[in-house]
Amino acid sequence: MNALRNWPSMATALDRVAYKPDIYYHKQDGELVAGPMPTHPNFGRVVSRPALHRALMEALEAENVAIRCEAKVSRYWETENEGGVELANGETIRADMVVATDGIHSRSWTLVSGPEPAIYLSGLAMFRAAIPIKHAMSDPSLRERWMPTADEDKMCFFLAQGSFRIILFGQDTTSWVWQHHDNPQTSSESWAATPSPEDALKQLDGEGQWGAGLRAAIAATPQNHIVDWRLMRRELNREWGSPKGRWMQIGDAAHPFLPTTVNGGTQALEDGVSLARCLRLAVEKHGVGALPDGAKVHNVLRIDRVAAIGSTGMERTKKHRQVDFEKVKENPELVRNEPAQWQIEHDPQLYAEEQFDDCFACLKSEKAFIDTNKPAEYVFKP
């Protein structure tokens, strides 16, 4: 999360709660093929969603930013000079610029330029679970083999042709994910799709012989703690702003990532940093009336990068499902599957500062702007 490098207090807070795992790679049946291996520098921080949310909330509170929860939006609107929302309770909130960060089911598509992206079934889904570590450690076999220590968390990959499973045994939490074929009875693009551990084990048994550790972790998961998330593919819309420029989507509201790419949250943070910097630069250089132009600059600076990361993320997922174990035995490093250097080292604030003037000028003259925050050979293809 280099997007946060300019907020050292927040980066420090995340370092305190980040897991620091040694990594173990197994075949489907549990045979160890590589590890324990330390995390690669490009692996990034492993932070739980609640810990990240808590750090973000605390950072906002430290700046005296008011936070309201359970405020349900019933309508989005904008004029030439402002944007706003109407809440379900009848209240109206207005601002110079409104940012939609409400995820894949955002209602802001009723207002932004362009239609809501087309959605396609992928044929795949992903079990996702996170439970207190005590549940997993109540199983003697897991406790003996995978008990985390004060200095070492443990992450286990189970790899097979066409599928993979990952388990993290952290200081306070055990979490596991498992990509599988879509099950019409249990899979849904919703946090409310909560099959039982018995349902998950039944599906596991139908996909061959898997390692005992994986079975034990699933069996130790309490009821209503597993989500069977349907993996849906969406066309990437290149326009994230509203017609009058008073609304801008970021994160999954703008460019949904499959959870298997393990990068949606990071790109949402990069979006936020980029948009904030572009809006400030627009006002400082061209006056408050240039806010919509600043949002458009942000859109241009980000679109090709997120498209490239989405594409390479899917290729990395394929690598997990197509491991050549004979080659891995000869060179264990081949099993690693970290993001590339260009993806990890990017500083969205610095990039916005360096590219703002050129991008702004290109927009005004209707010339193409060439981004450099992606591989040079990457070309966006709808």
Protein backbone atom coordinates (compact mmCIF):
# COMPACT_ATOMS: atom_id res chain seq x y z
CA MET A 1 0.00 0.00 0.00
CA ASN A 2 2.52 2.58 -1.13
CA ALA A 3 -0.44 4.89 -1.68
CA LEU A 4 -0.20 5.63 2.04
CA ARG A 5 3.51 6.45 2.11
CA ASN A 6 2.73 10.15 2.55
CA TRP A 7 0.70 9.43 5.70
CA PRO A 8 3.36 7.81 7.91
CA SER A 9 1.15 7.60 10.99
CA MET A 10 -1.40 5.53 9.10
CA ALA A 11 1.26 3.37 7.48
CA THR A 12 2.68 2.73 10.94
CA ALA A 13 -0.77 1.81 12.25
CA LEU A 14 -1.19 -0.73 9.45
CA ASP A 15 2.29 -2.15 10.07
CA ARG A 16 1.26 -2.85 13.66
CA VAL A 17 -1.75 -4.94 12.61
CA ALA A 18 -0.31 -6.48 9.43
CA TYR A 19 0.28 -10.22 9.40
CA LYS A 20 3.85 -11.30 8.72
CA PRO A 21 3.51 -14.86 7.46
CA ASP A 22 5.92 -17.51 6.40
CA ILE A 23 4.42 -19.16 3.33
CA TYR A 24 3.95 -22.86 2.61
CA TYR A 25 2.98 -24.26 -0.79
CA HIS A 26 1.26 -27.66 -1.07
CA LYS A 27 -0.12 -29.91 -3.72
CA GLN A 28 -3.83 -30.65 -3.60
CA ASP A 29 -3.34 -33.69 -1.35
CA GLY A 30 -1.32 -31.72 1.21
CA GLU A 31 2.19 -32.67 0.09
CA LEU A 32 4.56 -29.78 0.84
CA VAL A 33 6.38 -28.63 -2.31
CA ALA A 34 7.93 -25.34 -1.14
CA GLY A 35 8.36 -23.54 2.14
CA PRO A 36 8.45 -22.22 4.67
CA MET A 37 9.40 -19.18 2.62
CA PRO A 38 9.50 -15.56 3.81
CA THR A 39 7.21 -13.16 2.02
CA HIS A 40 8.64 -11.56 -1.09
CA PRO A 41 9.14 -7.75 -0.92
CA ASN A 42 6.44 -7.42 -3.59
CA PHE A 43 3.96 -9.46 -1.54
CA GLY A 44 2.81 -6.33 0.29
CA ARG A 45 1.12 -6.08 3.66
CA VAL A 46 -1.46 -8.67 4.67
CA VAL A 47 -4.11 -6.71 6.59
CA SER A 48 -7.59 -7.83 7.56
CA ARG A 49 -10.53 -5.84 6.28
CA PRO A 50 -11.69 -4.82 9.82
CA ALA A 51 -8.17 -3.66 10.73
CA LEU A 52 -7.94 -1.57 7.57
CA HIS A 53 -11.37 -0.03 8.16
CA ARG A 54 -10.40 0.78 11.75
CA ALA A 55 -7.16 2.47 10.64
CA LEU A 56 -9.01 4.55 8.05
CA MET A 57 -11.67 5.57 10.57
CA GLU A 58 -9.06 6.59 13.14
CA ALA A 59 -7.14 8.61 10.55
CA LEU A 60 -10.29 10.52 9.59
CA GLU A 61 -11.27 11.11 13.20
CA ALA A 62 -7.78 12.50 13.90
CA GLU A 63 -8.47 15.12 11.20
CA ASN A 64 -11.92 15.89 12.71
CA VAL A 65 -13.73 14.52 9.66
CA ALA A 66 -17.32 13.66 10.52
CA ILE A 67 -18.29 10.06 9.78
CA ARG A 68 -21.91 8.96 9.47
CA CYS A 69 -22.98 5.34 9.25
CA GLU A 70 -26.30 3.80 8.16
CA ALA A 71 -27.16 6.86 6.04
CA LYS A 72 -29.03 5.29 3.12
CA VAL A 73 -29.09 7.20 -0.16
CA SER A 74 -32.35 7.28 -2.10
CA ARG A 75 -31.33 9.64 -4.95
CA TYR A 76 -28.24 11.15 -6.53
CA TRP A 77 -28.28 14.56 -8.21
CA GLU A 78 -26.06 17.33 -9.55
CA THR A 79 -26.25 20.84 -10.98
CA GLU A 80 -23.60 22.88 -12.76
CA ASN A 81 -22.25 24.05 -9.40
CA GLU A 82 -22.72 21.19 -6.94
CA GLY A 83 -23.60 17.57 -6.41
CA GLY A 84 -25.56 15.88 -3.68
CA VAL A 85 -27.67 13.07 -2.35
CA GLU A 86 -31.08 12.70 -0.83
CA LEU A 87 -31.21 10.29 2.10
CA ALA A 88 -33.99 7.86 2.85
CA ASN A 89 -34.95 10.01 5.86
CA GLY A 90 -35.57 13.01 3.55
CA GLU A 91 -32.35 14.86 4.37
CA THR A 92 -30.39 16.48 1.52
CA ILE A 93 -26.59 16.65 1.57
CA ARG A 94 -24.77 18.82 -0.98
CA ALA A 95 -21.11 19.52 -1.81
CA ASP A 96 -18.84 20.94 -4.51
CA MET A 97 -17.82 17.37 -5.38
CA VAL A 98 -19.33 14.03 -4.36
CA VAL A 99 -17.35 10.78 -4.46
CA ALA A 100 -19.16 7.46 -4.85
CA THR A 101 -17.29 4.71 -3.02
CA ASP A 102 -20.19 2.32 -2.54
CA GLY A 103 -18.79 -0.72 -4.32
CA ILE A 104 -19.93 -3.04 -7.08
CA HIS A 105 -23.65 -2.42 -6.53
CA SER A 106 -23.28 1.38 -6.54
CA ARG A 107 -26.41 3.29 -7.46
CA SER A 108 -24.29 6.12 -8.81
CA TRP A 109 -24.57 4.58 -12.29
CA THR A 110 -27.93 6.36 -12.51
CA LEU A 111 -25.97 9.61 -12.75
CA VAL A 112 -22.48 9.03 -14.14
CA SER A 113 -21.58 9.25 -17.80
CA GLY A 114 -22.16 6.02 -19.69
CA PRO A 115 -24.22 2.93 -18.88
CA GLU A 116 -23.59 0.48 -16.08
CA PRO A 117 -20.98 -2.03 -17.31
CA ALA A 118 -22.18 -5.32 -18.75
CA ILE A 119 -21.99 -8.21 -16.26
CA TYR A 120 -21.10 -11.81 -17.15
CA LEU A 121 -21.03 -15.06 -15.23
CA SER A 122 -17.49 -16.42 -14.92
CA GLY A 123 -18.59 -19.92 -13.95
CA LEU A 124 -16.52 -19.60 -10.78
CA ALA A 125 -17.14 -18.64 -7.17
CA MET A 126 -15.04 -18.28 -4.04
CA PHE A 127 -15.65 -19.44 -0.50
CA ARG A 128 -14.39 -16.76 1.91
CA ALA A 129 -14.20 -17.07 5.68
CA ALA A 130 -12.56 -15.28 8.61
CA ILE A 131 -12.90 -16.57 12.17
CA PRO A 132 -11.20 -16.03 15.54
CA ILE A 133 -8.02 -18.11 15.71
CA LYS A 134 -9.36 -20.00 18.74
CA HIS A 135 -11.77 -21.96 16.54
CA ALA A 136 -9.02 -23.34 14.31
CA MET A 137 -6.68 -23.99 17.21
CA SER A 138 -9.35 -26.06 18.95
CA ASP A 139 -8.49 -28.77 16.41
CA PRO A 140 -5.41 -30.69 17.71
CA SER A 141 -3.99 -31.32 14.23
CA LEU A 142 -4.14 -27.63 13.30
CA ARG A 143 -2.78 -26.55 16.66
CA GLU A 144 0.20 -28.87 16.36
CA ARG A 145 1.07 -27.94 12.77
CA TRP A 146 -0.09 -24.36 12.27
CA MET A 147 -0.12 -22.55 15.62
CA PRO A 148 1.14 -19.00 14.94
CA THR A 149 3.81 -17.57 17.22
CA ALA A 150 4.42 -14.03 18.43
CA ASP A 151 6.90 -13.54 15.59
CA GLU A 152 5.44 -15.67 12.84
CA ASP A 153 2.07 -16.05 11.19
CA LYS A 154 1.56 -18.86 8.72
CA MET A 155 0.01 -18.86 5.25
CA CYS A 156 -0.70 -22.08 3.36
CA PHE A 157 -1.42 -22.48 -0.34
CA PHE A 158 -3.04 -25.66 -1.68
CA LEU A 159 -2.62 -25.70 -5.46
CA ALA A 160 -4.26 -27.92 -8.06
CA GLN A 161 -4.97 -27.87 -11.77
CA GLY A 162 -7.88 -25.49 -12.15
CA SER A 163 -8.25 -24.49 -8.49
CA PHE A 164 -6.47 -23.21 -5.39
CA ARG A 165 -7.08 -22.70 -1.66
CA ILE A 166 -5.33 -20.35 0.77
CA ILE A 167 -5.37 -20.41 4.58
CA LEU A 168 -3.89 -17.75 6.87
CA PHE A 169 -3.23 -18.59 10.50
CA GLY A 170 -2.69 -15.17 12.09
CA GLN A 171 -2.25 -13.97 15.66
CA ASP A 172 -5.95 -13.33 16.15
CA THR A 173 -7.65 -14.64 13.02
CA THR A 174 -7.82 -17.65 10.76
CA SER A 175 -9.03 -16.86 7.26
CA TRP A 176 -9.37 -19.06 4.24
CA VAL A 177 -10.45 -18.70 0.62
CA TRP A 178 -11.18 -21.33 -1.98
CA GLN A 179 -11.95 -20.82 -5.64
CA HIS A 180 -14.42 -23.38 -7.00
CA HIS A 181 -17.01 -23.89 -9.70
CA ASP A 182 -20.15 -21.79 -9.30
CA ASN A 183 -22.83 -23.58 -7.29
CA PRO A 184 -26.33 -22.27 -8.16
CA GLN A 185 -27.61 -23.41 -4.76
CA THR A 186 -25.06 -21.51 -2.64
CA SER A 187 -23.13 -18.98 -4.77
CA SER A 188 -24.19 -15.33 -4.97
CA GLU A 189 -22.52 -11.95 -5.32
CA SER A 190 -23.58 -11.07 -1.80
CA TRP A 191 -22.23 -11.20 1.75
CA ALA A 192 -25.53 -12.87 2.67
CA ALA A 193 -24.65 -16.08 0.77
CA THR A 194 -23.60 -18.11 3.81
CA PRO A 195 -23.44 -21.88 3.24
CA SER A 196 -22.66 -24.18 6.14
CA PRO A 197 -19.25 -25.81 6.71
CA GLU A 198 -20.95 -29.09 5.84
CA ASP A 199 -22.00 -27.66 2.45
CA ALA A 200 -18.43 -26.53 1.80
CA LEU A 201 -16.95 -29.89 2.80
CA LYS A 202 -19.41 -31.71 0.56
CA GLN A 203 -18.29 -29.59 -2.37
CA LEU A 204 -14.64 -30.11 -1.42
CA ASP A 205 -15.11 -33.89 -1.45
CA GLY A 206 -16.62 -33.64 -4.90
CA GLU A 207 -13.44 -32.06 -6.28
CA GLY A 208 -10.92 -34.75 -5.41
CA GLN A 209 -8.72 -35.60 -2.44
CA TRP A 210 -7.59 -32.49 -0.59
CA GLY A 211 -5.17 -32.16 2.32
CA ALA A 212 -6.37 -32.91 5.84
CA GLY A 213 -5.33 -29.45 7.06
CA LEU A 214 -7.68 -27.78 4.63
CA ARG A 215 -10.56 -30.03 5.65
CA ALA A 216 -9.88 -29.33 9.32
CA ALA A 217 -9.86 -25.55 8.81
CA ILE A 218 -13.22 -25.69 7.02
CA ALA A 219 -14.71 -28.01 9.64
CA ALA A 220 -13.57 -25.65 12.43
CA THR A 221 -15.46 -22.72 10.89
CA PRO A 222 -18.65 -21.83 12.82
CA GLN A 223 -22.02 -21.59 11.13
CA ASN A 224 -22.79 -18.32 9.26
CA HIS A 225 -19.09 -17.47 8.86
CA ILE A 226 -18.59 -18.68 5.27
CA VAL A 227 -19.50 -16.57 2.24
CA ASP A 228 -19.83 -18.20 -1.18
CA TRP A 229 -19.03 -15.22 -3.41
CA ARG A 230 -19.98 -15.59 -7.07
CA LEU A 231 -17.23 -14.25 -9.35
CA MET A 232 -18.80 -11.93 -11.92
CA ARG A 233 -16.89 -10.30 -14.77
CA ARG A 234 -17.68 -6.70 -15.67
CA GLU A 235 -16.73 -4.64 -18.67
CA LEU A 236 -14.48 -1.77 -17.63
CA ASN A 237 -16.15 1.60 -18.21
CA ARG A 238 -13.61 4.30 -19.06
CA GLU A 239 -15.80 7.14 -17.77
CA TRP A 240 -16.25 7.37 -13.99
CA GLY A 241 -17.63 10.90 -13.74
CA SER A 242 -21.07 12.45 -14.10
CA PRO A 243 -22.05 14.66 -17.06
CA LYS A 244 -21.62 17.94 -15.15
CA GLY A 245 -18.50 16.70 -13.38
CA ARG A 246 -19.79 17.00 -9.80
CA TRP A 247 -19.71 13.25 -9.16
CA MET A 248 -16.82 10.79 -9.40
CA GLN A 249 -16.76 7.06 -8.76
CA ILE A 250 -13.69 5.40 -7.23
CA GLY A 251 -12.78 1.87 -6.17
CA ASP A 252 -15.12 -0.96 -7.10
CA ALA A 253 -17.87 1.54 -7.88
CA ALA A 254 -15.73 2.65 -10.84
CA HIS A 255 -13.73 -0.44 -11.77
CA PRO A 256 -14.76 -3.65 -10.00
CA PHE A 257 -11.96 -6.15 -9.33
CA LEU A 258 -12.46 -9.85 -8.84
CA PRO A 259 -11.39 -10.79 -5.29
CA THR A 260 -8.97 -13.31 -6.81
CA THR A 261 -6.82 -10.43 -8.10
CA VAL A 262 -6.20 -9.41 -4.44
CA ASN A 263 -5.87 -5.76 -5.41
CA GLY A 264 -9.28 -4.06 -5.33
CA GLY A 265 -8.75 -2.42 -1.95
CA THR A 266 -5.29 -1.18 -2.88
CA GLN A 267 -6.56 0.38 -6.10
CA ALA A 268 -9.41 2.07 -4.22
CA LEU A 269 -6.84 3.68 -1.91
CA GLU A 270 -4.75 4.75 -4.90
CA ASP A 271 -7.91 6.25 -6.42
CA GLY A 272 -8.63 8.25 -3.30
CA VAL A 273 -5.11 9.65 -3.11
CA SER A 274 -5.06 10.49 -6.82
CA LEU A 275 -8.48 12.16 -6.84
CA ALA A 276 -7.75 14.25 -3.76
CA ARG A 277 -4.48 15.50 -5.24
CA CYS A 278 -6.00 16.25 -8.66
CA LEU A 279 -8.87 18.22 -7.12
CA ARG A 280 -6.50 20.29 -5.00
CA LEU A 281 -4.20 20.98 -7.96
CA ALA A 282 -7.16 22.00 -10.13
CA VAL A 283 -8.32 24.56 -7.57
CA GLU A 284 -4.81 25.88 -6.84
CA LYS A 285 -3.91 26.28 -10.51
CA HIS A 286 -7.24 27.14 -12.15
CA GLY A 287 -9.71 28.16 -9.44
CA VAL A 288 -12.63 26.45 -7.74
CA GLY A 289 -14.57 26.28 -10.99
CA ALA A 290 -12.01 23.78 -12.29
CA LEU A 291 -13.01 21.04 -9.84
CA PRO A 292 -14.78 19.00 -12.56
CA ASP A 293 -11.65 19.28 -14.73
CA GLY A 294 -9.54 18.00 -11.85
CA ALA A 295 -11.81 14.98 -11.55
CA LYS A 296 -11.45 14.30 -15.28
CA VAL A 297 -7.66 14.46 -15.00
CA HIS A 298 -7.82 11.89 -12.21
CA ASN A 299 -9.97 9.63 -14.39
CA VAL A 300 -7.44 9.76 -17.24
CA LEU A 301 -4.45 9.22 -14.94
CA ARG A 302 -6.01 6.09 -13.44
CA ILE A 303 -7.94 4.25 -16.15
CA ASP A 304 -5.12 2.46 -17.99
CA ARG A 305 -3.38 1.52 -14.76
CA VAL A 306 -6.41 -0.17 -13.21
CA ALA A 307 -7.16 -1.88 -16.52
CA ALA A 308 -3.62 -3.26 -16.66
CA ILE A 309 -3.74 -4.43 -13.04
CA GLY A 310 -7.06 -6.15 -13.59
CA SER A 311 -5.67 -7.95 -16.63
CA THR A 312 -2.40 -9.02 -15.01
CA GLY A 313 -4.28 -10.02 -11.86
CA MET A 314 -6.31 -12.54 -13.82
CA GLU A 315 -3.09 -13.90 -15.35
CA ARG A 316 -1.61 -14.32 -11.86
CA THR A 317 -4.73 -16.21 -10.80
CA LYS A 318 -4.28 -18.57 -13.75
CA LYS A 319 -0.70 -19.21 -12.61
CA HIS A 320 -2.01 -20.51 -9.27
CA ARG A 321 -4.16 -22.99 -11.18
CA GLN A 322 -1.46 -24.18 -13.58
CA VAL A 323 1.56 -25.03 -11.43
CA ASP A 324 4.26 -27.33 -12.83
CA PHE A 325 5.27 -29.11 -9.64
CA GLU A 326 8.27 -30.86 -11.22
CA LYS A 327 9.80 -27.49 -12.08
CA VAL A 328 8.93 -26.16 -8.62
CA LYS A 329 10.86 -29.05 -7.04
CA GLU A 330 13.93 -27.93 -9.00
CA ASN A 331 13.40 -24.23 -8.25
CA PRO A 332 10.92 -23.43 -5.43
CA GLU A 333 10.99 -19.71 -6.31
CA LEU A 334 8.92 -20.51 -9.42
CA VAL A 335 5.85 -21.04 -7.25
CA ARG A 336 5.83 -17.43 -6.10
CA ASN A 337 3.16 -15.26 -7.67
CA GLU A 338 3.68 -11.69 -6.47
CA PRO A 339 2.69 -8.47 -8.28
CA ALA A 340 5.28 -6.89 -10.57
CA GLN A 341 7.55 -4.04 -9.52
CA TRP A 342 5.69 -1.43 -11.61
CA GLN A 343 2.54 -2.25 -9.67
CA ILE A 344 4.09 -2.14 -6.20
CA GLU A 345 6.27 0.97 -6.44
CA HIS A 346 3.66 3.39 -7.81
CA ASP A 347 3.04 6.58 -5.82
CA PRO A 348 -0.36 7.96 -6.94
CA GLN A 349 0.15 11.33 -5.26
CA LEU A 350 3.53 11.93 -6.88
CA TYR A 351 2.23 10.73 -10.25
CA ALA A 352 -0.69 13.16 -10.08
CA GLU A 353 1.66 16.03 -9.23
CA GLU A 354 4.05 15.19 -12.07
CA GLN A 355 1.42 14.57 -14.76
CA PHE A 356 -1.37 16.99 -13.88
CA ASP A 357 -0.39 19.90 -16.13
CA ASP A 358 0.24 17.77 -19.21
CA CYS A 359 -2.95 15.79 -18.74
CA PHE A 360 -5.01 18.94 -18.10
CA ALA A 361 -3.64 20.50 -21.30
CA CYS A 362 -4.38 17.35 -23.31
CA LEU A 363 -7.97 17.34 -22.10
CA LYS A 364 -8.46 20.98 -23.04
CA SER A 365 -6.92 20.49 -26.49
CA GLU A 366 -8.65 17.12 -26.96
CA LYS A 367 -5.32 15.36 -27.49
CA ALA A 368 -4.53 11.85 -26.30
CA PHE A 369 -2.61 11.54 -23.03
CA ILE A 370 -0.20 8.61 -22.65
CA ASP A 371 0.01 7.17 -19.13
CA THR A 372 3.31 5.83 -17.81
CA ASN A 373 1.99 4.16 -14.63
CA LYS A 374 1.55 0.82 -16.40
CA PRO A 375 3.70 -1.50 -18.57
CA ALA A 376 4.69 0.32 -21.76
CA GLU A 377 3.45 -2.57 -23.88
CA TYR A 378 -0.01 -2.67 -22.29
CA VAL A 379 -2.86 -1.36 -24.46
CA PHE A 380 -6.40 -1.23 -23.11
CA LYS A 381 -8.78 -3.55 -24.95
CA PRO A 382 -12.51 -3.35 -24.09
